[in-house]
């Protein structure tokens, strides 16, 4: 077994060897909770959930951390707008909503989306607002080491000095002089910085901001810069050096570049691997609200069940672009139906192994694919090949082979987070009622077939098919 992952920092696929044998430390960027989750957020969460599940299957004890950015310029701006005359009543929006209440409300929306789509809860999910002492300590370290400075006026800002760190730009392979200035201050206040590219570690309190959104510090009241938050939190929960830092491709610059610079400048080894998932496009174009080609997780879940949505969002290799087409969820539904058809057919024929039965193992080809930088498309090909082999075994009456296929399919679905039990269960009362009605239809169809009333039999089958229940007739 050789696990290999693509490392953004070295721009190559490297053998993965954890810093501590048998354990893996993983940090991936969660949400800035200033709005409803979009499809990019959820794709990223599913990608790192797949990574976590695979590492666990390979026997590693994984400590996973996913942060919540609950203080941010956009959060404050949206809260302020709710108190103003131009308040837009978007779905779920509340008038006169304090910034912390808005952030918490949207945080719950993210958790609901994660849970609905079977994303496992991380080991820790820290909020930025709960880690001010750690941020202050990191800022002071950087000042003491000559890599940060208080603003050149009395604003209370503190900036990272990018020219003091010779490796700045190495994650994204950019030259410092080719970069644009960091958007941390208005142009008229640019004299606060030594260099336009210096980015804020601490933002001094400004008139008009809510006092609840500022914390006391050695440099005056204020709040943390976005990049600082993650460096402080990951260090608290995983230490100064850890195995994997992940996030969406759009976070490489400036967020992850700045994280890496400030952490390494503080003397931390920081991340051994940087892993970034690709974007989601719409019919080949970047999703954009301005041109109206976005699709949200909520909209997807109105079209298809959670397992189908998860299958779609997790079916591509995590680094590649995932393109959404109007037929994408239909195609994913067809794939899930083929899997479920085998599971249902096998469960009717094969004996129940019982709760104490040991879990099956994934096929070797599946393991090879997942070890190779999480090659999920190839792993799914193995899954569907096993489903076909299992159906053939059932048709041939080879129950041993069918049982082996069922165990393998179940193990692969567990790894991919696609087992029916991986997502919230449907309402049991409704499930029971549906089962009674379907069974009554099947009994009526069996009677019609027994008396050779083929028209009635076909009519019942067609009615069930229209309701999404597929009836297959086998030798038994």
Protein backbone atom coordinates (compact mmCIF):
# COMPACT_ATOMS: atom_id res chain seq x y z
CA UNK A 1 0.00 0.00 0.00
CA UNK A 2 1.47 3.35 -1.08
CA UNK A 3 -0.71 6.39 -0.66
CA UNK A 4 0.12 9.18 -3.09
CA UNK A 5 -1.39 12.67 -3.14
CA UNK A 6 -0.83 15.77 -5.24
CA UNK A 7 0.90 18.47 -3.23
CA UNK A 8 0.15 22.00 -4.47
CA UNK A 9 3.32 23.39 -2.88
CA UNK A 10 5.66 21.05 -4.78
CA UNK A 11 3.34 20.70 -7.81
CA UNK A 12 3.77 16.94 -7.90
CA UNK A 13 2.18 13.71 -6.72
CA UNK A 14 4.19 12.53 -3.72
CA UNK A 15 4.17 9.48 -1.48
CA UNK A 16 2.19 10.26 1.65
CA UNK A 17 3.93 9.38 4.90
CA UNK A 18 2.28 10.84 8.03
CA UNK A 19 4.39 12.75 10.51
CA UNK A 20 3.25 10.37 13.28
CA UNK A 21 2.94 6.70 12.27
CA UNK A 22 -0.67 5.54 12.27
CA UNK A 23 -2.12 9.04 12.67
CA UNK A 24 -3.10 11.75 10.19
CA UNK A 25 -3.70 15.41 11.02
CA UNK A 26 -5.97 17.18 8.51
CA UNK A 27 -7.16 20.79 8.41
CA UNK A 28 -9.44 22.06 5.69
CA UNK A 29 -11.03 25.46 5.32
CA UNK A 30 -14.70 25.62 6.18
CA UNK A 31 -17.21 28.34 5.54
CA UNK A 32 -17.25 32.07 6.00
CA UNK A 33 -20.80 32.08 7.28
CA UNK A 34 -22.12 35.21 5.59
CA UNK A 35 -24.65 33.51 3.30
CA UNK A 36 -26.23 30.24 2.27
CA UNK A 37 -23.85 27.41 1.27
CA UNK A 38 -23.09 27.22 -2.41
CA UNK A 39 -22.21 24.16 -4.42
CA UNK A 40 -18.46 24.87 -4.24
CA UNK A 41 -18.55 24.74 -0.44
CA UNK A 42 -20.29 21.38 -0.49
CA UNK A 43 -18.06 19.85 -3.16
CA UNK A 44 -15.02 20.74 -1.06
CA UNK A 45 -16.55 19.22 2.08
CA UNK A 46 -17.41 16.00 0.23
CA UNK A 47 -13.89 15.77 -1.26
CA UNK A 48 -12.23 15.99 2.16
CA UNK A 49 -14.84 13.68 3.65
CA UNK A 50 -13.85 11.10 1.02
CA UNK A 51 -10.20 11.66 1.93
CA UNK A 52 -10.95 11.21 5.63
CA UNK A 53 -12.97 8.05 5.05
CA UNK A 54 -10.25 6.55 2.86
CA UNK A 55 -7.49 7.30 5.36
CA UNK A 56 -9.62 5.71 8.08
CA UNK A 57 -10.24 2.65 5.91
CA UNK A 58 -6.47 2.35 5.45
CA UNK A 59 -6.16 2.15 9.21
CA UNK A 60 -5.13 5.68 10.15
CA UNK A 61 -6.55 7.57 13.11
CA UNK A 62 -7.56 10.89 11.55
CA UNK A 63 -7.88 14.14 13.47
CA UNK A 64 -9.87 16.40 11.14
CA UNK A 65 -10.38 20.11 11.76
CA UNK A 66 -12.76 22.29 9.74
CA UNK A 67 -12.95 25.93 10.82
CA UNK A 68 -15.86 28.37 10.84
CA UNK A 69 -15.06 31.99 9.94
CA UNK A 70 -17.71 33.79 11.96
CA UNK A 71 -16.26 37.32 11.88
CA UNK A 72 -15.55 38.94 8.53
CA UNK A 73 -16.09 42.14 6.52
CA UNK A 74 -18.94 40.56 4.55
CA UNK A 75 -20.70 39.33 7.68
CA UNK A 76 -20.57 42.84 9.15
CA UNK A 77 -21.72 44.43 5.89
CA UNK A 78 -24.69 42.10 5.53
CA UNK A 79 -25.71 42.67 9.13
CA UNK A 80 -25.42 46.44 8.72
CA UNK A 81 -27.58 46.27 5.60
CA UNK A 82 -30.34 44.55 7.58
CA UNK A 83 -30.65 47.71 9.69
CA UNK A 84 -30.76 50.02 6.66
CA UNK A 85 -33.50 51.23 4.31
CA UNK A 86 -32.20 49.16 1.37
CA UNK A 87 -32.64 45.84 3.15
CA UNK A 88 -33.31 43.06 0.62
CA UNK A 89 -35.59 40.35 1.89
CA UNK A 90 -33.71 37.32 0.51
CA UNK A 91 -34.91 33.88 1.61
CA UNK A 92 -34.39 33.51 5.34
CA UNK A 93 -33.00 37.02 5.80
CA UNK A 94 -34.01 38.88 8.94
CA UNK A 95 -34.36 42.60 9.47
CA UNK A 96 -32.21 44.20 12.19
CA UNK A 97 -30.07 41.08 12.59
CA UNK A 98 -26.91 41.40 14.67
CA UNK A 99 -23.74 40.14 12.96
CA UNK A 100 -23.23 37.28 15.43
CA UNK A 101 -26.84 36.12 15.01
CA UNK A 102 -26.51 36.23 11.23
CA UNK A 103 -23.28 34.23 11.36
CA UNK A 104 -24.81 31.60 13.65
CA UNK A 105 -27.92 31.27 11.47
CA UNK A 106 -25.88 30.62 8.36
CA UNK A 107 -23.55 28.28 10.25
CA UNK A 108 -26.58 26.11 10.99
CA UNK A 109 -27.49 26.11 7.28
CA UNK A 110 -24.03 24.77 6.46
CA UNK A 111 -24.28 22.07 9.11
CA UNK A 112 -27.69 21.05 7.78
CA UNK A 113 -26.32 20.76 4.25
CA UNK A 114 -23.27 18.77 5.42
CA UNK A 115 -25.43 16.39 7.46
CA UNK A 116 -28.00 15.92 4.70
CA UNK A 117 -25.28 14.94 2.24
CA UNK A 118 -23.55 12.54 4.61
CA UNK A 119 -20.45 14.65 5.33
CA UNK A 120 -19.01 13.33 8.59
CA UNK A 121 -18.60 15.81 11.41
CA UNK A 122 -14.91 16.73 11.87
CA UNK A 123 -13.06 15.99 15.08
CA UNK A 124 -13.08 19.71 15.88
CA UNK A 125 -14.93 22.61 14.27
CA UNK A 126 -13.56 25.78 15.89
CA UNK A 127 -14.98 29.27 15.40
CA UNK A 128 -12.62 32.15 14.75
CA UNK A 129 -14.20 34.32 17.47
CA UNK A 130 -13.21 31.78 20.12
CA UNK A 131 -9.46 32.05 19.53
CA UNK A 132 -8.38 35.65 20.13
CA UNK A 133 -5.58 34.82 22.64
CA UNK A 134 -3.98 32.42 20.14
CA UNK A 135 -4.15 35.07 17.41
CA UNK A 136 -2.61 37.73 19.62
CA UNK A 137 0.24 35.37 20.51
CA UNK A 138 0.93 34.61 16.85
CA UNK A 139 0.95 38.31 15.92
CA UNK A 140 3.42 39.06 18.71
CA UNK A 141 5.66 36.23 17.54
CA UNK A 142 5.73 37.71 14.06
CA UNK A 143 6.49 41.20 15.37
CA UNK A 144 9.29 39.84 17.56
CA UNK A 145 10.80 37.97 14.60
CA UNK A 146 10.70 41.05 12.37
CA UNK A 147 7.92 39.87 10.05
CA UNK A 148 5.05 42.10 11.19
CA UNK A 149 4.57 45.70 12.29
CA UNK A 150 1.85 47.98 13.69
CA UNK A 151 0.38 50.35 11.11
CA UNK A 152 2.32 53.51 10.33
CA UNK A 153 -0.51 55.58 11.82
CA UNK A 154 -2.66 55.21 14.93
CA UNK A 155 -5.34 53.03 13.26
CA UNK A 156 -4.56 49.96 15.38
CA UNK A 157 -3.92 47.78 12.30
CA UNK A 158 -1.06 45.27 12.26
CA UNK A 159 0.42 44.02 8.95
CA UNK A 160 2.56 41.14 7.77
CA UNK A 161 5.68 42.42 6.04
CA UNK A 162 5.77 40.34 2.84
CA UNK A 163 9.25 41.56 1.84
CA UNK A 164 10.65 40.24 5.11
CA UNK A 165 9.81 36.69 4.02
CA UNK A 166 11.82 35.60 1.00
CA UNK A 167 9.59 32.58 0.32
CA UNK A 168 6.42 34.67 -0.08
CA UNK A 169 4.65 33.54 -3.26
CA UNK A 170 6.17 30.04 -3.27
CA UNK A 171 2.87 28.17 -2.82
CA UNK A 172 1.39 29.68 -5.99
CA UNK A 173 4.76 30.24 -7.70
CA UNK A 174 4.37 34.00 -8.11
CA UNK A 175 6.92 36.82 -8.02
CA UNK A 176 6.17 39.38 -5.34
CA UNK A 177 6.60 42.33 -7.69
CA UNK A 178 3.98 40.87 -10.05
CA UNK A 179 1.30 40.71 -7.33
CA UNK A 180 -1.43 43.25 -6.77
CA UNK A 181 -1.78 45.08 -3.50
CA UNK A 182 -3.72 43.42 -0.67
CA UNK A 183 -7.21 44.88 -0.28
CA UNK A 184 -6.95 45.55 3.44
CA UNK A 185 -7.35 49.33 3.53
CA UNK A 186 -9.02 51.99 1.43
CA UNK A 187 -6.64 53.62 -1.10
CA UNK A 188 -6.56 56.89 0.86
CA UNK A 189 -5.11 55.00 3.84
CA UNK A 190 -2.48 53.05 1.90
CA UNK A 191 0.26 54.95 3.75
CA UNK A 192 -0.46 52.71 6.73
CA UNK A 193 1.60 49.97 5.03
CA UNK A 194 5.23 49.62 4.11
CA UNK A 195 4.24 47.78 0.93
CA UNK A 196 0.84 47.62 -0.81
CA UNK A 197 1.06 43.82 -0.71
CA UNK A 198 1.38 43.64 3.07
CA UNK A 199 -1.76 42.03 4.46
CA UNK A 200 -3.63 42.64 7.69
CA UNK A 201 -3.08 40.45 10.73
CA UNK A 202 -5.21 42.69 12.94
CA UNK A 203 -7.77 45.31 11.88
CA UNK A 204 -8.26 48.23 14.21
CA UNK A 205 -11.77 49.25 15.21
CA UNK A 206 -13.39 51.80 12.89
CA UNK A 207 -16.14 54.26 13.66
CA UNK A 208 -19.54 52.89 12.76
CA UNK A 209 -18.66 49.25 13.34
CA UNK A 210 -20.50 47.43 16.13
CA UNK A 211 -18.50 47.41 19.35
CA UNK A 212 -19.42 43.73 19.75
CA UNK A 213 -17.26 43.02 16.69
CA UNK A 214 -14.04 44.22 18.31
CA UNK A 215 -11.75 42.70 20.91
CA UNK A 216 -9.08 44.33 23.04
CA UNK A 217 -5.49 43.64 22.01
CA UNK A 218 -1.98 45.04 22.67
CA UNK A 219 -2.44 47.14 19.50
CA UNK A 220 -5.87 48.48 20.34
CA UNK A 221 -9.45 47.28 19.92
CA UNK A 222 -10.15 45.45 16.68
CA UNK A 223 -10.62 42.10 15.04
CA UNK A 224 -8.42 39.54 13.30
CA UNK A 225 -7.50 39.37 9.65
CA UNK A 226 -8.96 36.41 7.75
CA UNK A 227 -5.67 34.66 7.08
CA UNK A 228 -4.49 34.90 10.67
CA UNK A 229 -7.55 33.07 11.96
CA UNK A 230 -6.73 29.78 10.25
CA UNK A 231 -3.04 29.82 11.23
CA UNK A 232 -3.95 30.30 14.89
CA UNK A 233 -6.67 27.65 14.93
CA UNK A 234 -4.76 24.94 13.10
CA UNK A 235 -1.78 25.41 15.40
CA UNK A 236 -3.96 25.06 18.49
CA UNK A 237 -5.62 21.82 17.38
CA UNK A 238 -2.94 20.13 15.27
CA UNK A 239 0.35 21.74 16.36
CA UNK A 240 2.93 23.79 14.50
CA UNK A 241 3.45 21.03 11.92
CA UNK A 242 0.76 18.74 10.57
CA UNK A 243 0.06 16.46 7.64
CA UNK A 244 -2.50 17.99 5.26
CA UNK A 245 -4.02 21.41 4.68
CA UNK A 246 -6.95 21.43 2.26
CA UNK A 247 -9.49 23.71 0.67
CA UNK A 248 -10.95 24.90 -2.59
CA UNK A 249 -8.70 25.89 -5.48
CA UNK A 250 -9.90 29.49 -5.15
CA UNK A 251 -8.26 29.70 -1.70
CA UNK A 252 -4.71 29.14 -2.91
CA UNK A 253 -4.17 32.88 -3.25
CA UNK A 254 -4.23 34.98 -1.26
CA UNK A 255 -5.60 32.96 1.66
CA UNK A 256 -3.38 29.89 1.71
CA UNK A 257 -0.34 31.75 0.43
CA UNK A 258 -0.68 34.17 3.35
CA UNK A 259 -1.39 31.41 5.85
CA UNK A 260 1.75 29.56 4.84
CA UNK A 261 3.90 32.68 4.88
CA UNK A 262 2.84 33.94 8.31
CA UNK A 263 3.02 30.49 9.90
CA UNK A 264 6.43 29.59 8.51
CA UNK A 265 7.73 33.07 9.31
CA UNK A 266 6.67 32.39 12.92
CA UNK A 267 8.93 29.32 12.86
CA UNK A 268 6.24 26.70 12.23
CA UNK A 269 6.77 23.81 9.84
CA UNK A 270 3.04 24.04 9.04
CA UNK A 271 1.48 21.78 6.37
CA UNK A 272 3.37 18.84 4.89
CA UNK A 273 0.84 18.55 2.03
CA UNK A 274 -1.44 21.15 0.43
CA UNK A 275 -4.46 19.62 -1.28
CA UNK A 276 -6.96 21.69 -3.28
CA UNK A 277 -10.22 20.59 -4.86
CA UNK A 278 -11.38 21.92 -8.23
CA UNK A 279 -14.24 24.25 -9.00
CA UNK A 280 -17.81 23.52 -10.13
CA UNK A 281 -18.88 25.06 -13.44
CA UNK A 282 -22.24 25.33 -15.19
CA UNK A 283 -22.25 24.04 -18.79
CA UNK A 284 -18.57 24.87 -19.10
CA UNK A 285 -18.80 28.38 -17.65
CA UNK A 286 -17.93 29.75 -14.24
CA UNK A 287 -20.99 29.95 -12.02
CA UNK A 288 -22.01 33.56 -11.42
CA UNK A 289 -25.05 35.17 -9.86
CA UNK A 290 -24.67 38.10 -12.24
CA UNK A 291 -25.31 35.93 -15.31
CA UNK A 292 -27.82 33.69 -13.56
CA UNK A 293 -26.14 30.31 -14.09
CA UNK A 294 -25.79 29.21 -10.47
CA UNK A 295 -27.31 26.15 -8.87
CA UNK A 296 -27.36 25.77 -5.10
CA UNK A 297 -27.27 22.61 -2.98
CA UNK A 298 -30.85 23.40 -1.92
CA UNK A 299 -31.95 23.49 -5.56
CA UNK A 300 -30.16 20.21 -6.24
CA UNK A 301 -31.90 18.58 -3.28
CA UNK A 302 -35.25 19.70 -4.67
CA UNK A 303 -34.44 17.75 -7.84
CA UNK A 304 -32.81 14.62 -6.42
CA UNK A 305 -32.38 12.70 -3.12
CA UNK A 306 -29.29 13.40 -0.98
CA UNK A 307 -27.40 10.27 -2.06
CA UNK A 308 -27.83 11.21 -5.72
CA UNK A 309 -26.58 14.74 -5.07
CA UNK A 310 -23.61 13.40 -3.12
CA UNK A 311 -22.85 10.89 -5.90
CA UNK A 312 -22.80 13.72 -8.44
CA UNK A 313 -20.69 16.12 -6.35
CA UNK A 314 -18.22 13.39 -5.41
CA UNK A 315 -17.90 11.51 -8.70
CA UNK A 316 -15.02 13.47 -10.26
CA UNK A 317 -11.36 13.33 -9.27
CA UNK A 318 -11.18 15.98 -6.57
CA UNK A 319 -8.64 18.19 -8.39
CA UNK A 320 -10.60 18.35 -11.63
CA UNK A 321 -13.34 20.75 -12.66
CA UNK A 322 -16.82 19.34 -12.07
CA UNK A 323 -19.19 20.59 -14.76
CA UNK A 324 -22.90 20.77 -13.99
CA UNK A 325 -25.32 20.11 -16.85
CA UNK A 326 -29.14 20.05 -16.74
CA UNK A 327 -28.96 16.24 -17.06
CA UNK A 328 -26.22 15.72 -14.45
CA UNK A 329 -28.48 14.71 -11.59
CA UNK A 330 -30.54 12.42 -13.83
CA UNK A 331 -27.37 10.59 -14.83
CA UNK A 332 -26.27 10.36 -11.19
CA UNK A 333 -29.73 9.06 -10.24
CA UNK A 334 -29.50 6.33 -12.88
CA UNK A 335 -26.11 5.25 -11.48
CA UNK A 336 -27.41 5.16 -7.90
CA UNK A 337 -30.50 3.23 -9.03
CA UNK A 338 -28.29 0.54 -10.61
CA UNK A 339 -26.43 0.18 -7.33
CA UNK A 340 -29.62 0.13 -5.26
CA UNK A 341 -31.23 -2.34 -7.64
CA UNK A 342 -28.47 -4.83 -6.91
CA UNK A 343 -28.59 -4.15 -3.16
CA UNK A 344 -32.35 -4.67 -3.08
CA UNK A 345 -32.21 -7.80 -5.21
CA UNK A 346 -29.37 -9.27 -3.16
CA UNK A 347 -31.09 -8.53 0.15
CA UNK A 348 -34.15 -10.50 -0.95
CA UNK A 349 -32.14 -13.57 -1.89
CA UNK A 350 -29.13 -13.65 0.42
CA UNK A 351 -29.40 -14.47 4.13
CA UNK A 352 -29.08 -11.59 6.56
CA UNK A 353 -25.47 -11.71 7.88
CA UNK A 354 -26.59 -10.22 11.20
CA UNK A 355 -25.21 -7.28 13.16
CA UNK A 356 -22.04 -9.12 14.26
CA UNK A 357 -20.87 -9.95 10.75
CA UNK A 358 -17.50 -8.47 9.81
CA UNK A 359 -17.48 -5.77 7.16
CA UNK A 360 -16.34 -6.67 3.69
CA UNK A 361 -13.19 -5.31 2.09
CA UNK A 362 -12.92 -3.24 -1.04
CA UNK A 363 -11.57 -4.90 -4.21
CA UNK A 364 -7.86 -4.48 -4.86
CA UNK A 365 -8.49 -2.36 -7.96
CA UNK A 366 -10.65 0.02 -5.91
CA UNK A 367 -7.86 0.38 -3.34
CA UNK A 368 -5.27 1.04 -6.04
CA UNK A 369 -7.47 3.79 -7.50
CA UNK A 370 -8.09 5.50 -4.16
CA UNK A 371 -4.42 5.26 -3.14
CA UNK A 372 -3.55 7.07 -6.37
CA UNK A 373 -4.51 10.62 -5.32
CA UNK A 374 -8.15 9.63 -4.65
CA UNK A 375 -8.98 8.55 -8.20
CA UNK A 376 -12.71 8.35 -7.51
CA UNK A 377 -13.78 7.95 -11.18
CA UNK A 378 -11.71 4.77 -11.46
CA UNK A 379 -12.96 3.61 -8.05
CA UNK A 380 -16.57 4.12 -9.20
CA UNK A 381 -15.82 2.07 -12.31
CA UNK A 382 -14.75 -0.79 -10.01
CA UNK A 383 -17.93 -0.31 -7.96
CA UNK A 384 -20.20 -0.59 -10.99
CA UNK A 385 -18.23 -3.54 -12.36
CA UNK A 386 -18.78 -5.32 -9.04
CA UNK A 387 -22.51 -4.49 -9.18
CA UNK A 388 -22.72 -6.07 -12.65
CA UNK A 389 -20.83 -9.15 -11.49
CA UNK A 390 -23.14 -9.45 -8.48
CA UNK A 391 -26.26 -9.25 -10.65
CA UNK A 392 -24.85 -11.94 -12.94
CA UNK A 393 -24.13 -14.16 -9.93
CA UNK A 394 -27.71 -13.71 -8.68
CA UNK A 395 -29.12 -14.60 -12.09
CA UNK A 396 -26.91 -17.70 -12.22
CA UNK A 397 -27.88 -18.69 -8.68
CA UNK A 398 -24.28 -18.43 -7.45
CA UNK A 399 -25.08 -17.14 -3.97
CA UNK A 400 -21.47 -17.32 -2.72
CA UNK A 401 -20.26 -15.00 -5.49
CA UNK A 402 -23.29 -12.76 -5.01
CA UNK A 403 -22.59 -12.52 -1.29
CA UNK A 404 -18.96 -11.60 -1.93
CA UNK A 405 -20.06 -8.92 -4.39
CA UNK A 406 -22.57 -7.56 -1.88
CA UNK A 407 -19.92 -7.30 0.84
CA UNK A 408 -17.52 -5.54 -1.53
CA UNK A 409 -20.16 -3.12 -2.80
CA UNK A 410 -21.18 -2.26 0.76
CA UNK A 411 -17.55 -1.60 1.73
CA UNK A 412 -17.00 0.66 -1.29
CA UNK A 413 -20.19 2.59 -0.60
CA UNK A 414 -19.07 3.13 2.99
CA UNK A 415 -15.76 4.59 1.83
CA UNK A 416 -17.53 6.91 -0.60
CA UNK A 417 -20.20 7.92 1.91
CA UNK A 418 -22.94 6.53 -0.33
CA UNK A 419 -24.55 3.88 1.85
CA UNK A 420 -28.19 4.57 2.58
CA UNK A 421 -27.35 4.68 6.28
CA UNK A 422 -24.78 7.44 5.65
CA UNK A 423 -27.53 10.01 5.13
CA UNK A 424 -30.40 10.97 7.41
CA UNK A 425 -33.16 8.38 7.45
CA UNK A 426 -36.51 9.20 5.89
CA UNK A 427 -39.56 9.56 8.09
CA UNK A 428 -40.20 6.06 9.43
CA UNK A 429 -43.98 6.38 9.47
CA UNK A 430 -44.05 7.44 5.83
CA UNK A 431 -41.60 4.66 4.96
CA UNK A 432 -43.79 2.06 6.61
CA UNK A 433 -46.91 3.33 4.87
CA UNK A 434 -45.16 3.31 1.51
CA UNK A 435 -43.93 -0.24 2.08
CA UNK A 436 -47.45 -1.49 2.84
CA UNK A 437 -48.84 0.12 -0.31
CA UNK A 438 -46.07 -1.22 -2.54
CA UNK A 439 -46.40 -4.73 -1.11
CA UNK A 440 -50.16 -4.64 -1.75
CA UNK A 441 -49.50 -3.69 -5.38
CA UNK A 442 -46.95 -6.48 -5.74
CA UNK A 443 -49.38 -9.04 -4.32
CA UNK A 444 -52.06 -7.85 -6.74
CA UNK A 445 -49.58 -8.17 -9.59
CA UNK A 446 -48.57 -11.68 -8.49
CA UNK A 447 -52.25 -12.70 -8.50
CA UNK A 448 -52.74 -11.21 -11.98
CA UNK A 449 -49.74 -13.14 -13.28
CA UNK A 450 -50.99 -16.34 -11.67
CA UNK A 451 -54.30 -16.08 -13.58
CA UNK A 452 -52.41 -14.90 -16.71
CA UNK A 453 -54.02 -11.46 -16.71
CA UNK A 454 -50.99 -9.90 -18.37
CA UNK A 455 -52.69 -6.57 -19.03
CA UNK A 456 -53.41 -6.05 -15.33
CA UNK A 457 -49.91 -7.22 -14.41
CA UNK A 458 -48.30 -4.76 -16.81
CA UNK A 459 -50.54 -1.94 -15.63
CA UNK A 460 -49.47 -2.44 -12.02
CA UNK A 461 -45.82 -2.60 -13.02
CA UNK A 462 -46.17 0.64 -15.03
CA UNK A 463 -47.93 2.38 -12.13
CA UNK A 464 -45.13 1.44 -9.78
CA UNK A 465 -42.50 2.52 -12.32
CA UNK A 466 -44.18 5.91 -12.61
CA UNK A 467 -43.79 6.25 -8.84
CA UNK A 468 -40.09 5.39 -9.06
CA UNK A 469 -40.41 1.74 -7.97
CA UNK A 470 -38.82 -0.64 -10.47
CA UNK A 471 -40.10 -4.23 -10.56
CA UNK A 472 -37.76 -6.88 -11.94
CA UNK A 473 -38.87 -10.47 -12.59
CA UNK A 474 -36.21 -13.13 -12.02
CA UNK A 475 -36.27 -16.91 -12.14
CA UNK A 476 -37.57 -16.99 -8.55
